[in-house]
């Protein structure tokens, strides 16, 4: 007799039983877990945003640098760095 090609080794045929509900016996972790960024990911994102703001500020501040009297930073890099720090602090608050 040839084996059934649909049958796999170790297959017990549980799905063929009457009243079988696979959800009752096996719960998928992705269903139980909420769809949100964990504190570690949020912390990393905040750090990267703050670093980007600092690098951008350093670039803008030293572009066409002539003397210390002419240093001026626009609001964009400073706001970006502050936003990154705020996100990082929120992640640290969530992780406590």
N, C-alpha and C. Protein backbone atom coordinates (compact mmCIF):
# COMPACT_ATOMS: atom_id res chain seq x y z
N UNK A 1 0.82 -1.19 0.00
CA UNK A 1 0.00 0.00 0.00
C UNK A 1 0.86 1.25 0.00
N UNK A 2 0.49 2.19 -0.79
CA UNK A 2 1.21 3.46 -0.84
C UNK A 2 0.72 4.37 0.29
N UNK A 3 1.68 5.15 0.83
CA UNK A 3 1.30 6.07 1.91
C UNK A 3 0.57 7.28 1.34
N UNK A 4 -0.29 7.84 2.16
CA UNK A 4 -1.03 9.04 1.78
C UNK A 4 -0.05 10.20 1.70
N UNK A 5 0.06 10.93 0.57
CA UNK A 5 1.04 12.03 0.47
C UNK A 5 0.72 13.20 1.39
N UNK A 6 -0.53 13.32 1.83
CA UNK A 6 -0.91 14.42 2.71
C UNK A 6 -0.50 14.15 4.16
N UNK A 7 -0.29 12.89 4.48
CA UNK A 7 0.03 12.51 5.85
C UNK A 7 1.53 12.69 6.09
N UNK A 8 1.87 13.35 7.15
CA UNK A 8 3.26 13.61 7.49
C UNK A 8 3.66 12.71 8.65
N UNK A 9 4.96 12.43 8.80
CA UNK A 9 5.38 11.63 9.95
C UNK A 9 5.05 12.35 11.25
N UNK A 10 4.54 11.63 12.22
CA UNK A 10 4.17 12.22 13.49
C UNK A 10 2.81 12.90 13.47
N UNK A 11 2.09 12.79 12.38
CA UNK A 11 0.78 13.42 12.23
C UNK A 11 -0.26 12.58 12.95
N UNK A 12 -0.98 13.17 13.87
CA UNK A 12 -1.95 12.40 14.64
C UNK A 12 -3.38 12.58 14.15
N UNK A 13 -3.59 13.41 13.17
CA UNK A 13 -4.93 13.60 12.63
C UNK A 13 -5.87 14.35 13.55
N UNK A 14 -5.32 15.21 14.41
CA UNK A 14 -6.15 15.92 15.38
C UNK A 14 -7.17 16.83 14.70
N UNK A 15 -6.82 17.37 13.54
CA UNK A 15 -7.75 18.28 12.87
C UNK A 15 -8.96 17.54 12.32
N UNK A 16 -8.88 16.22 12.22
CA UNK A 16 -10.00 15.45 11.71
C UNK A 16 -10.99 15.06 12.80
N UNK A 17 -10.61 15.24 14.06
CA UNK A 17 -11.50 14.89 15.16
C UNK A 17 -12.66 15.88 15.23
N UNK A 18 -13.78 15.41 15.69
CA UNK A 18 -14.95 16.26 15.81
C UNK A 18 -14.75 17.24 16.97
N UNK A 19 -15.04 18.51 16.72
CA UNK A 19 -14.93 19.53 17.76
C UNK A 19 -13.52 20.02 18.00
N UNK A 20 -12.60 19.72 17.11
CA UNK A 20 -11.21 20.16 17.29
C UNK A 20 -11.10 21.66 17.01
N UNK A 21 -10.52 22.37 17.94
CA UNK A 21 -10.31 23.81 17.79
C UNK A 21 -8.83 24.10 18.02
N UNK A 22 -8.07 24.40 16.98
CA UNK A 22 -6.63 24.60 17.17
C UNK A 22 -6.30 25.82 18.04
N UNK A 23 -7.19 26.78 18.11
CA UNK A 23 -6.94 27.98 18.91
C UNK A 23 -6.97 27.64 20.40
N UNK A 24 -7.79 26.70 20.78
CA UNK A 24 -7.90 26.34 22.19
C UNK A 24 -6.62 25.66 22.70
N UNK A 25 -5.89 24.99 21.82
CA UNK A 25 -4.72 24.25 22.24
C UNK A 25 -3.41 25.00 21.98
N UNK A 26 -3.40 25.85 21.01
CA UNK A 26 -2.18 26.56 20.64
C UNK A 26 -2.51 28.04 20.40
N UNK A 27 -1.92 28.89 21.21
CA UNK A 27 -2.14 30.32 21.03
C UNK A 27 -0.89 30.92 20.43
N UNK A 28 -1.08 31.66 19.40
CA UNK A 28 0.03 32.30 18.73
C UNK A 28 0.50 33.51 19.55
N UNK A 29 1.81 33.61 19.79
CA UNK A 29 2.33 34.71 20.60
C UNK A 29 2.12 36.06 19.94
N UNK A 30 2.13 36.11 18.62
CA UNK A 30 1.96 37.39 17.95
C UNK A 30 0.55 37.94 18.13
N UNK A 31 -0.43 37.04 18.34
CA UNK A 31 -1.79 37.50 18.58
C UNK A 31 -1.89 38.08 19.98
N UNK A 32 -1.21 37.45 20.94
CA UNK A 32 -1.29 37.90 22.31
C UNK A 32 -0.50 39.18 22.54
N UNK A 33 0.58 39.37 21.80
CA UNK A 33 1.43 40.53 21.99
C UNK A 33 0.82 41.75 21.30
N UNK A 34 0.87 42.89 21.96
CA UNK A 34 0.34 44.11 21.36
C UNK A 34 1.28 44.62 20.29
N UNK A 35 0.72 45.32 19.33
CA UNK A 35 1.50 45.87 18.22
C UNK A 35 2.03 47.24 18.59
N UNK A 36 3.10 47.25 19.38
CA UNK A 36 3.73 48.52 19.71
C UNK A 36 5.22 48.29 19.88
N UNK A 37 5.96 49.34 19.75
CA UNK A 37 7.39 49.25 19.88
C UNK A 37 7.75 49.08 21.34
N UNK A 38 8.64 48.16 21.61
CA UNK A 38 9.05 47.97 22.99
C UNK A 38 9.96 49.12 23.43
N UNK A 39 10.21 49.17 24.71
CA UNK A 39 10.98 50.29 25.27
C UNK A 39 12.39 50.34 24.72
N UNK A 40 12.98 49.19 24.44
CA UNK A 40 14.35 49.16 23.90
C UNK A 40 14.40 49.77 22.50
N UNK A 41 13.43 49.44 21.67
CA UNK A 41 13.37 50.00 20.32
C UNK A 41 13.12 51.50 20.34
N UNK A 42 12.24 51.92 21.24
CA UNK A 42 11.94 53.34 21.36
C UNK A 42 13.17 54.11 21.85
N UNK A 43 13.92 53.50 22.77
CA UNK A 43 15.14 54.12 23.27
C UNK A 43 16.17 54.26 22.16
N UNK A 44 16.32 53.22 21.35
CA UNK A 44 17.27 53.28 20.24
C UNK A 44 16.85 54.33 19.21
N UNK A 45 15.55 54.41 18.93
CA UNK A 45 15.06 55.41 17.99
C UNK A 45 15.32 56.82 18.49
N UNK A 46 15.03 57.06 19.78
CA UNK A 46 15.28 58.38 20.36
C UNK A 46 16.75 58.75 20.33
N UNK A 47 17.61 57.78 20.61
CA UNK A 47 19.06 58.04 20.56
C UNK A 47 19.52 58.40 19.15
N UNK A 48 18.99 57.68 18.16
CA UNK A 48 19.39 57.97 16.78
C UNK A 48 18.88 59.34 16.33
N UNK A 49 17.68 59.70 16.72
CA UNK A 49 17.15 61.02 16.35
C UNK A 49 17.96 62.12 17.01
N UNK A 50 18.30 61.94 18.29
CA UNK A 50 19.11 62.95 18.99
C UNK A 50 20.49 63.06 18.36
N UNK A 51 21.09 61.93 18.00
CA UNK A 51 22.41 61.95 17.35
C UNK A 51 22.34 62.64 16.00
N UNK A 52 21.26 62.40 15.26
CA UNK A 52 21.11 63.06 13.96
C UNK A 52 21.00 64.57 14.13
N UNK A 53 20.26 65.01 15.15
CA UNK A 53 20.15 66.44 15.41
C UNK A 53 21.49 67.05 15.80
N UNK A 54 22.29 66.33 16.59
CA UNK A 54 23.60 66.85 16.99
C UNK A 54 24.55 66.92 15.79
N UNK A 55 24.54 65.88 14.96
CA UNK A 55 25.41 65.89 13.77
C UNK A 55 24.99 66.99 12.81
N UNK A 56 23.69 67.15 12.61
CA UNK A 56 23.19 68.20 11.73
C UNK A 56 23.58 69.57 12.28
N UNK A 57 23.45 69.76 13.59
CA UNK A 57 23.84 71.03 14.22
C UNK A 57 25.32 71.30 14.08
N UNK A 58 26.15 70.26 14.22
CA UNK A 58 27.59 70.45 14.04
C UNK A 58 27.92 70.81 12.60
N UNK A 59 27.22 70.20 11.66
CA UNK A 59 27.46 70.52 10.25
C UNK A 59 27.06 71.96 9.95
N UNK A 60 25.88 72.36 10.39
CA UNK A 60 25.39 73.71 10.12
C UNK A 60 26.23 74.75 10.85
N UNK A 61 26.65 74.42 12.08
CA UNK A 61 27.44 75.37 12.86
C UNK A 61 28.85 75.58 12.34
N UNK A 62 29.41 74.58 11.71
CA UNK A 62 30.79 74.72 11.21
C UNK A 62 30.85 74.99 9.71
N UNK A 63 29.72 74.99 9.04
CA UNK A 63 29.69 75.31 7.61
C UNK A 63 30.03 76.79 7.43
N UNK A 64 30.99 77.10 6.61
CA UNK A 64 31.46 78.48 6.38
C UNK A 64 31.95 79.11 7.69
N UNK A 65 32.66 78.33 8.48
CA UNK A 65 33.15 78.82 9.77
C UNK A 65 34.30 79.80 9.53
N UNK A 66 34.18 81.00 10.12
CA UNK A 66 35.26 81.99 10.02
C UNK A 66 35.80 82.36 11.39
N UNK A 67 34.92 82.53 12.36
CA UNK A 67 35.38 82.85 13.71
C UNK A 67 34.30 82.46 14.72
N UNK A 68 34.66 82.46 15.99
CA UNK A 68 33.71 82.09 17.04
C UNK A 68 32.56 83.09 17.17
N UNK A 69 32.77 84.31 16.71
CA UNK A 69 31.72 85.32 16.82
C UNK A 69 30.58 85.08 15.84
N UNK A 70 30.82 84.34 14.78
CA UNK A 70 29.80 84.14 13.74
C UNK A 70 29.01 82.83 13.90
N UNK A 71 29.16 82.14 15.02
CA UNK A 71 28.44 80.88 15.21
C UNK A 71 26.98 81.17 15.54
N UNK A 72 26.11 80.61 14.75
CA UNK A 72 24.67 80.69 15.02
C UNK A 72 24.03 79.42 14.48
N UNK A 73 23.14 78.87 15.24
CA UNK A 73 22.45 77.64 14.83
C UNK A 73 20.99 77.93 14.56
N UNK A 74 20.47 77.42 13.47
CA UNK A 74 19.02 77.55 13.25
C UNK A 74 18.28 76.62 14.20
N UNK A 75 16.97 76.79 14.28
CA UNK A 75 16.17 76.02 15.23
C UNK A 75 16.05 74.55 14.86
N UNK A 76 16.15 74.20 13.61
CA UNK A 76 15.91 72.82 13.17
C UNK A 76 16.75 71.76 13.86
N UNK A 77 18.07 71.87 13.85
CA UNK A 77 18.87 70.83 14.51
C UNK A 77 18.66 70.76 16.01
N UNK A 78 18.48 71.89 16.64
CA UNK A 78 18.28 71.90 18.09
C UNK A 78 16.94 71.25 18.44
N UNK A 79 15.90 71.55 17.68
CA UNK A 79 14.60 70.94 17.93
C UNK A 79 14.62 69.44 17.69
N UNK A 80 15.35 69.02 16.66
CA UNK A 80 15.45 67.59 16.37
C UNK A 80 16.18 66.85 17.50
N UNK A 81 17.26 67.43 18.00
CA UNK A 81 17.98 66.82 19.11
C UNK A 81 17.10 66.77 20.37
N UNK A 82 16.35 67.82 20.63
CA UNK A 82 15.45 67.83 21.80
C UNK A 82 14.34 66.80 21.66
N UNK A 83 13.82 66.64 20.45
CA UNK A 83 12.79 65.63 20.22
C UNK A 83 13.35 64.24 20.48
N UNK A 84 14.57 63.98 20.00
CA UNK A 84 15.20 62.68 20.24
C UNK A 84 15.42 62.42 21.72
N UNK A 85 15.83 63.43 22.45
CA UNK A 85 16.04 63.28 23.89
C UNK A 85 14.72 63.02 24.60
N UNK A 86 13.66 63.70 24.17
CA UNK A 86 12.34 63.48 24.78
C UNK A 86 11.84 62.06 24.52
N UNK A 87 12.04 61.55 23.31
CA UNK A 87 11.65 60.17 23.00
C UNK A 87 12.46 59.18 23.83
N UNK A 88 13.76 59.43 23.95
CA UNK A 88 14.63 58.56 24.74
C UNK A 88 14.21 58.55 26.22
N UNK A 89 13.90 59.73 26.76
CA UNK A 89 13.47 59.80 28.15
C UNK A 89 12.13 59.08 28.35
N UNK A 90 11.23 59.18 27.39
CA UNK A 90 9.95 58.48 27.50
C UNK A 90 10.17 56.98 27.51
N UNK A 91 11.11 56.49 26.70
CA UNK A 91 11.41 55.06 26.69
C UNK A 91 11.99 54.62 28.02
N UNK A 92 12.85 55.41 28.60
CA UNK A 92 13.43 55.07 29.90
C UNK A 92 12.35 55.09 30.98
N UNK A 93 11.39 55.99 30.88
CA UNK A 93 10.29 56.05 31.84
C UNK A 93 9.40 54.81 31.71
N UNK A 94 9.16 54.38 30.46
CA UNK A 94 8.32 53.21 30.22
C UNK A 94 8.99 51.92 30.71
N UNK A 95 10.30 51.87 30.64
CA UNK A 95 11.03 50.64 30.99
C UNK A 95 11.16 50.45 32.50
N UNK A 96 10.89 51.47 33.26
CA UNK A 96 11.11 51.33 34.72
C UNK A 96 10.17 50.38 35.37
